[in-house]
Amino acid sequence: MRRLVGRNFARVRQERGLTQEKVAEISGFSQQYISGLERGHRNPTVVTLFELAQAIGVAPIELLTSD
């Protein structure tokens, strides 16, 4: 699940032309946290998923579903 969320987050972030640094600025999470999330090393809470999804402009479910 961590890898799925990380892959989805990275894909959407890149599709929207956002850098990890910009998402960090918008969301309040560190760039290191976002990097770890995208690599599947972080296990985000439901609240964190919601906040990160808002930062990149998607519904949280989009980070949880496989293609």
C-alpha atoms as a PDB file:
ATOM      1  CA  MET A   1       0.000   0.000   0.000  1.00  0.00           C
ATOM      2  CA  ARG A   2       2.843   2.419   0.803  1.00  0.00           C
ATOM      3  CA  ARG A   3       4.357   1.896  -2.636  1.00  0.00           C
ATOM      4  CA  LEU A   4       0.992   2.336  -4.352  1.00  0.00           C
ATOM      5  CA  VAL A   5       0.351   5.641  -2.583  1.00  0.00           C
ATOM      6  CA  GLY A   6       3.880   6.800  -3.326  1.00  0.00           C
ATOM      7  CA  ARG A   7       3.651   5.941  -7.023  1.00  0.00           C
ATOM      8  CA  ASN A   8       0.261   7.606  -7.370  1.00  0.00           C
ATOM      9  CA  PHE A   9       1.387  10.705  -5.513  1.00  0.00           C
ATOM     10  CA  ALA A  10       4.543  11.063  -7.643  1.00  0.00           C
ATOM     11  CA  ARG A  11       2.586  10.524 -10.872  1.00  0.00           C
ATOM     12  CA  VAL A  12      -0.063  13.121 -10.070  1.00  0.00           C
ATOM     13  CA  ARG A  13       2.512  15.592  -8.773  1.00  0.00           C
ATOM     14  CA  GLN A  14       4.524  15.313 -11.981  1.00  0.00           C
ATOM     15  CA  GLU A  15       1.416  15.503 -14.191  1.00  0.00           C
ATOM     16  CA  ARG A  16       0.578  18.791 -12.513  1.00  0.00           C
ATOM     17  CA  GLY A  17       4.089  20.119 -13.010  1.00  0.00           C
ATOM     18  CA  LEU A  18       4.817  20.357  -9.290  1.00  0.00           C
ATOM     19  CA  THR A  19       8.207  19.779  -7.715  1.00  0.00           C
ATOM     20  CA  GLN A  20       8.597  18.083  -4.361  1.00  0.00           C
ATOM     21  CA  GLU A  21       9.785  21.421  -3.021  1.00  0.00           C
ATOM     22  CA  LYS A  22       6.642  23.209  -4.230  1.00  0.00           C
ATOM     23  CA  VAL A  23       4.382  20.543  -2.702  1.00  0.00           C
ATOM     24  CA  ALA A  24       6.332  20.877   0.550  1.00  0.00           C
ATOM     25  CA  GLU A  25       5.747  24.611   0.503  1.00  0.00           C
ATOM     26  CA  ILE A  26       2.017  24.206  -0.197  1.00  0.00           C
ATOM     27  CA  SER A  27       1.383  21.330   2.204  1.00  0.00           C
ATOM     28  CA  GLY A  28       3.667  22.140   5.113  1.00  0.00           C
ATOM     29  CA  PHE A  29       5.323  18.715   4.947  1.00  0.00           C
ATOM     30  CA  SER A  30       9.080  18.615   4.389  1.00  0.00           C
ATOM     31  CA  GLN A  31      10.589  17.778   1.016  1.00  0.00           C
ATOM     32  CA  GLN A  32      12.303  14.842   2.732  1.00  0.00           C
ATOM     33  CA  TYR A  33       8.935  13.498   3.888  1.00  0.00           C
ATOM     34  CA  ILE A  34       7.483  13.785   0.388  1.00  0.00           C
ATOM     35  CA  SER A  35      10.532  12.069  -1.088  1.00  0.00           C
ATOM     36  CA  GLY A  36      10.189   9.219   1.419  1.00  0.00           C
ATOM     37  CA  LEU A  37       6.473   8.955   0.665  1.00  0.00           C
ATOM     38  CA  GLU A  38       7.110   8.689  -3.076  1.00  0.00           C
ATOM     39  CA  ARG A  39       9.731   5.997  -2.511  1.00  0.00           C
ATOM     40  CA  GLY A  40       7.287   3.976  -0.406  1.00  0.00           C
ATOM     41  CA  HIS A  41       9.232   4.490   2.831  1.00  0.00           C
ATOM     42  CA  ARG A  42       6.490   6.416   4.645  1.00  0.00           C
ATOM     43  CA  ASN A  43       3.225   5.110   5.995  1.00  0.00           C
ATOM     44  CA  PRO A  44       0.942   8.162   5.907  1.00  0.00           C
ATOM     45  CA  THR A  45      -2.076   8.509   8.144  1.00  0.00           C
ATOM     46  CA  VAL A  46      -5.531   9.170   6.736  1.00  0.00           C
ATOM     47  CA  VAL A  47      -5.208  12.820   7.752  1.00  0.00           C
ATOM     48  CA  THR A  48      -1.839  13.091   5.999  1.00  0.00           C
ATOM     49  CA  LEU A  49      -3.257  11.533   2.830  1.00  0.00           C
ATOM     50  CA  PHE A  50      -6.115  14.021   2.902  1.00  0.00           C
ATOM     51  CA  GLU A  51      -3.783  17.000   3.363  1.00  0.00           C
ATOM     52  CA  LEU A  52      -1.367  15.865   0.651  1.00  0.00           C
ATOM     53  CA  ALA A  53      -4.205  15.175  -1.781  1.00  0.00           C
ATOM     54  CA  GLN A  54      -5.515  18.693  -1.168  1.00  0.00           C
ATOM     55  CA  ALA A  55      -2.047  20.130  -1.776  1.00  0.00           C
ATOM     56  CA  ILE A  56      -1.876  18.566  -5.255  1.00  0.00           C
ATOM     57  CA  GLY A  57      -5.560  19.062  -6.050  1.00  0.00           C
ATOM     58  CA  VAL A  58      -6.929  15.518  -6.167  1.00  0.00           C
ATOM     59  CA  ALA A  59      -9.419  13.455  -4.217  1.00  0.00           C
ATOM     60  CA  PRO A  60      -7.687  11.281  -1.600  1.00  0.00           C
ATOM     61  CA  ILE A  61      -9.106   8.140  -3.244  1.00  0.00           C
ATOM     62  CA  GLU A  62      -6.938   8.820  -6.286  1.00  0.00           C
ATOM     63  CA  LEU A  63      -3.860   8.141  -4.169  1.00  0.00           C
ATOM     64  CA  LEU A  64      -5.258   4.799  -2.998  1.00  0.00           C
ATOM     65  CA  THR A  65      -6.446   3.194  -6.229  1.00  0.00           C
ATOM     66  CA  SER A  66      -4.385   1.186  -8.655  1.00  0.00           C
ATOM     67  CA  ASP A  67      -4.441   1.865 -12.379  1.00  0.00           C
END
